[in-house]
Amino acid sequence: MLKKQHGPAPTDLSRRERQVMDVVYRTGEATVSEVLEALPDPPSYSAVRALMRILETKGHLAHRQDGPRYVYHPTVPRETASETALERLLTTFFGGSVERTVATLLDLEAENLSDEELDRLADLVVAAREKGR
């Protein structure tokens, strides 16, 4: 069963907005200049500033003032945002089916999984069975 979504929806972000959020999550907090330096093929300073204001309007970022500059930070912990994004992915592409989602991941990545990773996944399945009882 899917949990209720918390916080802003990560799927309402453009590619550039996701890149900005990745930088801010990675650093914990960042100024426009710091985000600009970390972006691949960065747009102009004013474009990054506008993106960060949009993200603040959408509820993904908040800021504090540090002298003349704004220092932005995420409004939702990365783990919560990840769970929300995964829940939306599960619903949108897999009809809410955890089994179909996991099966697809295993089909796509089976050759990249080590025996140790497969053992840990098997342990997670066992733990999920026990938790469900």
N, C-alpha and C. Protein backbone atom coordinates (compact mmCIF):
# COMPACT_ATOMS: atom_id res chain seq x y z
N MET A 1 0.84 -1.19 0.00
CA MET A 1 0.00 0.00 0.00
C MET A 1 0.88 1.24 0.00
N LEU A 2 0.50 2.25 -0.78
CA LEU A 2 1.28 3.47 -0.89
C LEU A 2 0.95 4.41 0.24
N LYS A 3 1.97 5.14 0.66
CA LYS A 3 1.79 6.12 1.71
C LYS A 3 1.30 7.43 1.12
N LYS A 4 0.71 8.26 1.95
CA LYS A 4 0.27 9.57 1.51
C LYS A 4 1.50 10.43 1.23
N GLN A 5 1.42 11.22 0.18
CA GLN A 5 2.54 12.06 -0.23
C GLN A 5 2.75 13.20 0.77
N HIS A 6 4.00 13.50 1.06
CA HIS A 6 4.35 14.59 1.97
C HIS A 6 5.21 15.59 1.23
N GLY A 7 4.90 16.87 1.38
CA GLY A 7 5.72 17.91 0.77
C GLY A 7 5.41 18.10 -0.70
N PRO A 8 6.18 19.00 -1.34
CA PRO A 8 5.95 19.28 -2.75
C PRO A 8 6.28 18.07 -3.61
N ALA A 9 5.62 17.97 -4.74
CA ALA A 9 5.81 16.83 -5.64
C ALA A 9 7.08 17.01 -6.46
N PRO A 10 8.05 16.09 -6.33
CA PRO A 10 9.29 16.21 -7.08
C PRO A 10 9.10 16.05 -8.58
N THR A 11 7.96 15.50 -8.99
CA THR A 11 7.74 15.29 -10.42
C THR A 11 7.29 16.55 -11.12
N ASP A 12 7.04 17.63 -10.40
CA ASP A 12 6.66 18.87 -11.06
C ASP A 12 7.88 19.73 -11.38
N LEU A 13 9.06 19.10 -11.40
CA LEU A 13 10.30 19.83 -11.65
C LEU A 13 10.79 19.62 -13.08
N SER A 14 11.33 20.68 -13.66
CA SER A 14 12.00 20.56 -14.95
C SER A 14 13.37 19.90 -14.75
N ARG A 15 14.01 19.55 -15.84
CA ARG A 15 15.35 18.95 -15.76
C ARG A 15 16.31 19.88 -15.01
N ARG A 16 16.30 21.17 -15.35
CA ARG A 16 17.19 22.12 -14.69
C ARG A 16 16.85 22.28 -13.22
N GLU A 17 15.58 22.30 -12.89
CA GLU A 17 15.18 22.42 -11.49
C GLU A 17 15.66 21.20 -10.70
N ARG A 18 15.57 20.01 -11.30
CA ARG A 18 16.08 18.80 -10.63
C ARG A 18 17.58 18.91 -10.42
N GLN A 19 18.30 19.45 -11.40
CA GLN A 19 19.75 19.62 -11.25
C GLN A 19 20.06 20.57 -10.10
N VAL A 20 19.30 21.65 -9.99
CA VAL A 20 19.50 22.60 -8.89
C VAL A 20 19.23 21.91 -7.56
N MET A 21 18.13 21.17 -7.48
CA MET A 21 17.80 20.47 -6.24
C MET A 21 18.88 19.46 -5.88
N ASP A 22 19.43 18.76 -6.87
CA ASP A 22 20.51 17.81 -6.61
C ASP A 22 21.69 18.51 -5.95
N VAL A 23 22.05 19.68 -6.45
CA VAL A 23 23.17 20.44 -5.88
C VAL A 23 22.85 20.83 -4.44
N VAL A 24 21.66 21.36 -4.22
CA VAL A 24 21.31 21.83 -2.87
C VAL A 24 21.22 20.65 -1.90
N TYR A 25 20.67 19.53 -2.34
CA TYR A 25 20.64 18.35 -1.47
C TYR A 25 22.05 17.86 -1.17
N ARG A 26 22.90 17.86 -2.17
CA ARG A 26 24.27 17.36 -1.98
C ARG A 26 25.05 18.24 -1.01
N THR A 27 24.84 19.55 -1.07
CA THR A 27 25.61 20.48 -0.23
C THR A 27 24.91 20.82 1.07
N GLY A 28 23.61 20.57 1.16
CA GLY A 28 22.87 20.91 2.38
C GLY A 28 22.25 22.28 2.29
N GLU A 29 23.00 23.23 1.78
CA GLU A 29 22.52 24.58 1.52
C GLU A 29 23.48 25.20 0.52
N ALA A 30 22.99 26.19 -0.23
CA ALA A 30 23.83 26.76 -1.27
C ALA A 30 23.32 28.13 -1.70
N THR A 31 24.24 28.95 -2.14
CA THR A 31 23.90 30.24 -2.74
C THR A 31 23.72 30.03 -4.25
N VAL A 32 23.22 31.04 -4.91
CA VAL A 32 23.07 30.98 -6.36
C VAL A 32 24.43 30.73 -7.00
N SER A 33 25.47 31.42 -6.54
CA SER A 33 26.81 31.25 -7.12
C SER A 33 27.32 29.82 -6.95
N GLU A 34 27.08 29.23 -5.79
CA GLU A 34 27.54 27.86 -5.55
C GLU A 34 26.81 26.87 -6.45
N VAL A 35 25.51 27.09 -6.65
CA VAL A 35 24.75 26.21 -7.54
C VAL A 35 25.25 26.39 -8.97
N LEU A 36 25.46 27.62 -9.37
CA LEU A 36 25.95 27.93 -10.72
C LEU A 36 27.26 27.19 -11.01
N GLU A 37 28.18 27.19 -10.05
CA GLU A 37 29.47 26.52 -10.22
C GLU A 37 29.33 25.00 -10.33
N ALA A 38 28.30 24.44 -9.70
CA ALA A 38 28.15 22.98 -9.65
C ALA A 38 27.31 22.42 -10.80
N LEU A 39 26.61 23.27 -11.53
CA LEU A 39 25.74 22.77 -12.59
C LEU A 39 26.52 22.41 -13.85
N PRO A 40 26.13 21.33 -14.50
CA PRO A 40 26.73 21.02 -15.80
C PRO A 40 26.17 21.98 -16.85
N ASP A 41 27.04 22.48 -17.72
CA ASP A 41 26.62 23.40 -18.78
C ASP A 41 25.70 24.47 -18.21
N PRO A 42 26.20 25.28 -17.25
CA PRO A 42 25.33 26.19 -16.51
C PRO A 42 24.77 27.32 -17.36
N PRO A 43 23.53 27.71 -17.04
CA PRO A 43 22.96 28.90 -17.67
C PRO A 43 23.55 30.14 -16.99
N SER A 44 22.98 31.30 -17.23
CA SER A 44 23.47 32.54 -16.63
C SER A 44 23.15 32.59 -15.14
N TYR A 45 23.83 33.49 -14.44
CA TYR A 45 23.58 33.69 -13.01
C TYR A 45 22.10 34.04 -12.79
N SER A 46 21.57 34.96 -13.61
CA SER A 46 20.18 35.38 -13.42
C SER A 46 19.21 34.23 -13.68
N ALA A 47 19.54 33.32 -14.59
CA ALA A 47 18.67 32.17 -14.84
C ALA A 47 18.66 31.23 -13.64
N VAL A 48 19.83 31.02 -13.02
CA VAL A 48 19.89 30.16 -11.83
C VAL A 48 19.14 30.81 -10.68
N ARG A 49 19.30 32.12 -10.52
CA ARG A 49 18.58 32.85 -9.47
C ARG A 49 17.07 32.70 -9.68
N ALA A 50 16.62 32.82 -10.93
CA ALA A 50 15.19 32.67 -11.23
C ALA A 50 14.72 31.25 -10.93
N LEU A 51 15.52 30.25 -11.30
CA LEU A 51 15.16 28.86 -11.00
C LEU A 51 15.01 28.64 -9.50
N MET A 52 15.91 29.21 -8.73
CA MET A 52 15.85 29.01 -7.28
C MET A 52 14.64 29.72 -6.67
N ARG A 53 14.27 30.86 -7.23
CA ARG A 53 13.05 31.53 -6.77
C ARG A 53 11.82 30.70 -7.12
N ILE A 54 11.81 30.11 -8.32
CA ILE A 54 10.70 29.25 -8.73
C ILE A 54 10.60 28.05 -7.79
N LEU A 55 11.75 27.44 -7.48
CA LEU A 55 11.76 26.29 -6.56
C LEU A 55 11.26 26.70 -5.17
N GLU A 56 11.56 27.92 -4.77
CA GLU A 56 11.05 28.40 -3.49
C GLU A 56 9.54 28.59 -3.56
N THR A 57 9.05 29.13 -4.66
CA THR A 57 7.61 29.32 -4.85
C THR A 57 6.88 27.98 -4.86
N LYS A 58 7.49 26.98 -5.47
CA LYS A 58 6.89 25.64 -5.53
C LYS A 58 6.98 24.91 -4.19
N GLY A 59 7.74 25.46 -3.24
CA GLY A 59 7.84 24.85 -1.92
C GLY A 59 9.00 23.90 -1.73
N HIS A 60 9.91 23.82 -2.70
CA HIS A 60 11.05 22.91 -2.60
C HIS A 60 12.23 23.52 -1.84
N LEU A 61 12.37 24.83 -1.92
CA LEU A 61 13.47 25.52 -1.26
C LEU A 61 12.94 26.62 -0.35
N ALA A 62 13.75 26.96 0.64
CA ALA A 62 13.54 28.14 1.48
C ALA A 62 14.90 28.81 1.57
N HIS A 63 14.92 30.04 2.06
CA HIS A 63 16.22 30.71 2.16
C HIS A 63 16.33 31.48 3.47
N ARG A 64 17.58 31.76 3.80
CA ARG A 64 17.90 32.69 4.89
C ARG A 64 18.86 33.70 4.30
N GLN A 65 18.85 34.88 4.87
CA GLN A 65 19.73 35.91 4.36
C GLN A 65 21.04 35.89 5.14
N ASP A 66 22.15 35.93 4.41
CA ASP A 66 23.49 35.97 4.98
C ASP A 66 24.18 37.18 4.36
N GLY A 67 24.07 38.32 5.04
CA GLY A 67 24.58 39.56 4.45
C GLY A 67 23.76 39.88 3.22
N PRO A 68 24.41 40.16 2.11
CA PRO A 68 23.67 40.52 0.89
C PRO A 68 23.16 39.33 0.08
N ARG A 69 23.51 38.12 0.49
CA ARG A 69 23.14 36.96 -0.33
C ARG A 69 22.12 36.08 0.37
N TYR A 70 21.40 35.33 -0.45
CA TYR A 70 20.45 34.35 0.06
C TYR A 70 21.14 32.99 0.04
N VAL A 71 20.95 32.25 1.13
CA VAL A 71 21.46 30.89 1.23
C VAL A 71 20.22 29.99 1.26
N TYR A 72 20.11 29.14 0.25
CA TYR A 72 18.93 28.28 0.07
C TYR A 72 19.17 26.90 0.68
N HIS A 73 18.09 26.32 1.19
CA HIS A 73 18.12 24.96 1.72
C HIS A 73 16.80 24.26 1.36
N PRO A 74 16.84 22.93 1.27
CA PRO A 74 15.61 22.19 0.93
C PRO A 74 14.60 22.28 2.06
N THR A 75 13.33 22.27 1.69
CA THR A 75 12.27 22.32 2.70
C THR A 75 11.88 20.92 3.19
N VAL A 76 12.25 19.91 2.41
CA VAL A 76 11.91 18.53 2.73
C VAL A 76 13.21 17.73 2.75
N PRO A 77 13.44 16.89 3.76
CA PRO A 77 14.65 16.06 3.76
C PRO A 77 14.72 15.20 2.49
N ARG A 78 15.93 14.95 2.02
CA ARG A 78 16.12 14.19 0.78
C ARG A 78 15.43 12.82 0.84
N GLU A 79 15.50 12.16 1.98
CA GLU A 79 14.87 10.85 2.11
C GLU A 79 13.36 10.93 1.87
N THR A 80 12.72 11.95 2.43
CA THR A 80 11.28 12.13 2.23
C THR A 80 10.98 12.43 0.77
N ALA A 81 11.78 13.29 0.15
CA ALA A 81 11.59 13.62 -1.26
C ALA A 81 11.79 12.37 -2.12
N SER A 82 12.77 11.55 -1.78
CA SER A 82 13.01 10.31 -2.53
C SER A 82 11.83 9.37 -2.42
N GLU A 83 11.29 9.24 -1.21
CA GLU A 83 10.14 8.35 -1.01
C GLU A 83 8.94 8.85 -1.80
N THR A 84 8.72 10.16 -1.79
CA THR A 84 7.60 10.73 -2.53
C THR A 84 7.77 10.49 -4.02
N ALA A 85 8.98 10.70 -4.54
CA ALA A 85 9.24 10.48 -5.96
C ALA A 85 9.04 9.01 -6.32
N LEU A 86 9.50 8.11 -5.46
CA LEU A 86 9.34 6.68 -5.71
C LEU A 86 7.87 6.27 -5.69
N GLU A 87 7.12 6.82 -4.75
CA GLU A 87 5.69 6.52 -4.68
C GLU A 87 4.98 6.96 -5.97
N ARG A 88 5.33 8.14 -6.48
CA ARG A 88 4.71 8.63 -7.72
C ARG A 88 5.14 7.77 -8.91
N LEU A 89 6.38 7.36 -8.95
CA LEU A 89 6.87 6.48 -10.02
C LEU A 89 6.12 5.15 -9.99
N LEU A 90 6.00 4.59 -8.81
CA LEU A 90 5.30 3.32 -8.61
C LEU A 90 3.86 3.43 -9.11
N THR A 91 3.19 4.49 -8.75
CA THR A 91 1.80 4.69 -9.15
C THR A 91 1.67 4.96 -10.64
N THR A 92 2.51 5.85 -11.15
CA THR A 92 2.40 6.29 -12.54
C THR A 92 2.76 5.20 -13.54
N PHE A 93 3.86 4.50 -13.30
CA PHE A 93 4.37 3.57 -14.30
C PHE A 93 4.11 2.10 -14.00
N PHE A 94 3.78 1.77 -12.76
CA PHE A 94 3.63 0.37 -12.39
C PHE A 94 2.30 0.07 -11.71
N GLY A 95 1.35 0.99 -11.84
CA GLY A 95 0.02 0.76 -11.28
C GLY A 95 0.02 0.48 -9.79
N GLY A 96 1.03 0.98 -9.09
CA GLY A 96 1.12 0.76 -7.65
C GLY A 96 1.69 -0.59 -7.27
N SER A 97 2.13 -1.37 -8.24
CA SER A 97 2.63 -2.72 -7.97
C SER A 97 4.12 -2.71 -7.61
N VAL A 98 4.39 -3.04 -6.37
CA VAL A 98 5.78 -3.17 -5.92
C VAL A 98 6.44 -4.32 -6.67
N GLU A 99 5.71 -5.41 -6.85
CA GLU A 99 6.26 -6.58 -7.54
C GLU A 99 6.71 -6.21 -8.95
N ARG A 100 5.87 -5.51 -9.71
CA ARG A 100 6.24 -5.12 -11.08
C ARG A 100 7.43 -4.17 -11.08
N THR A 101 7.48 -3.27 -10.11
CA THR A 101 8.58 -2.31 -10.03
C THR A 101 9.89 -3.03 -9.77
N VAL A 102 9.91 -3.91 -8.78
CA VAL A 102 11.12 -4.65 -8.43
C VAL A 102 11.52 -5.57 -9.58
N ALA A 103 10.55 -6.22 -10.19
CA ALA A 103 10.85 -7.12 -11.32
C ALA A 103 11.50 -6.34 -12.46
N THR A 104 11.01 -5.16 -12.74
CA THR A 104 11.60 -4.34 -13.80
C THR A 104 13.02 -3.94 -13.44
N LEU A 105 13.23 -3.52 -12.21
CA LEU A 105 14.59 -3.16 -11.77
C LEU A 105 15.54 -4.34 -11.89
N LEU A 106 15.09 -5.50 -11.48
CA LEU A 106 15.93 -6.70 -11.57
C LEU A 106 16.21 -7.06 -13.02
N ASP A 107 15.22 -6.94 -13.90
CA ASP A 107 15.43 -7.20 -15.33
C ASP A 107 16.47 -6.26 -15.91
N LEU A 108 16.39 -5.00 -15.52
CA LEU A 108 17.30 -4.00 -16.07
C LEU A 108 18.72 -4.12 -15.51
N GLU A 109 18.84 -4.52 -14.26
CA GLU A 109 20.13 -4.47 -13.58
C GLU A 109 20.69 -5.82 -13.14
N ALA A 110 20.07 -6.90 -13.49
CA ALA A 110 20.47 -8.23 -13.01
C ALA A 110 21.96 -8.49 -13.22
N GLU A 111 22.47 -8.16 -14.38
CA GLU A 111 23.89 -8.46 -14.67
C GLU A 111 24.84 -7.57 -13.86
N ASN A 112 24.33 -6.49 -13.29
CA ASN A 112 25.18 -5.59 -12.52
C ASN A 112 25.15 -5.87 -11.01
N LEU A 113 24.31 -6.82 -10.59
CA LEU A 113 24.20 -7.11 -9.16
C LEU A 113 25.17 -8.22 -8.76
N SER A 114 25.87 -7.97 -7.67
CA SER A 114 26.79 -8.99 -7.15
C SER A 114 26.00 -10.04 -6.37
N ASP A 115 26.66 -11.15 -6.07
CA ASP A 115 26.01 -12.17 -5.25
C ASP A 115 25.63 -11.62 -3.88
N GLU A 116 26.49 -10.75 -3.33
CA GLU A 116 26.21 -10.15 -2.02
C GLU A 116 24.97 -9.27 -2.08
N GLU A 117 24.83 -8.49 -3.16
CA GLU A 117 23.65 -7.64 -3.29
C GLU A 117 22.39 -8.49 -3.45
N LEU A 118 22.48 -9.55 -4.23
CA LEU A 118 21.33 -10.44 -4.38
C LEU A 118 20.96 -11.10 -3.06
N ASP A 119 21.97 -11.47 -2.26
CA ASP A 119 21.70 -12.04 -0.94
C ASP A 119 21.00 -11.02 -0.04
N ARG A 120 21.44 -9.78 -0.08
CA ARG A 120 20.80 -8.73 0.74
C ARG A 120 19.35 -8.51 0.28
N LEU A 121 19.12 -8.54 -1.03
CA LEU A 121 17.75 -8.40 -1.53
C LEU A 121 16.88 -9.56 -1.07
N ALA A 122 17.42 -10.77 -1.10
CA ALA A 122 16.67 -11.94 -0.63
C ALA A 122 16.35 -11.78 0.86
N ASP A 123 17.30 -11.27 1.63
CA ASP A 123 17.06 -11.04 3.06
C ASP A 123 15.95 -10.01 3.27
N LEU A 124 15.91 -8.99 2.41
CA LEU A 124 14.85 -7.98 2.52
C LEU A 124 13.48 -8.59 2.23
N VAL A 125 13.41 -9.50 1.30
CA VAL A 125 12.15 -10.18 0.99
C VAL A 125 11.71 -11.01 2.20
N VAL A 126 12.63 -11.73 2.80
CA VAL A 126 12.31 -12.53 4.00
C VAL A 126 11.81 -11.61 5.12
N ALA A 127 12.51 -10.50 5.34
CA ALA A 127 12.12 -9.57 6.40
C ALA A 127 10.73 -8.97 6.11
N ALA A 128 10.44 -8.68 4.84
CA ALA A 128 9.13 -8.14 4.48
C ALA A 128 8.03 -9.15 4.75
N ARG A 129 8.31 -10.42 4.48
CA ARG A 129 7.33 -11.49 4.76
C ARG A 129 7.04 -11.57 6.25
N GLU A 130 8.11 -11.53 7.06
CA GLU A 130 7.94 -11.62 8.51
C GLU A 130 7.21 -10.40 9.05
N LYS A 131 7.51 -9.24 8.50
CA LYS A 131 6.86 -8.01 8.96
C LYS A 131 5.37 -8.02 8.64
N GLY A 132 5.00 -8.64 7.51
CA GLY A 132 3.62 -8.69 7.08
C GLY A 132 2.75 -9.65 7.86
N ARG A 133 3.35 -10.51 8.66
CA ARG A 133 2.58 -11.52 9.40
C ARG A 133 2.08 -10.99 10.70
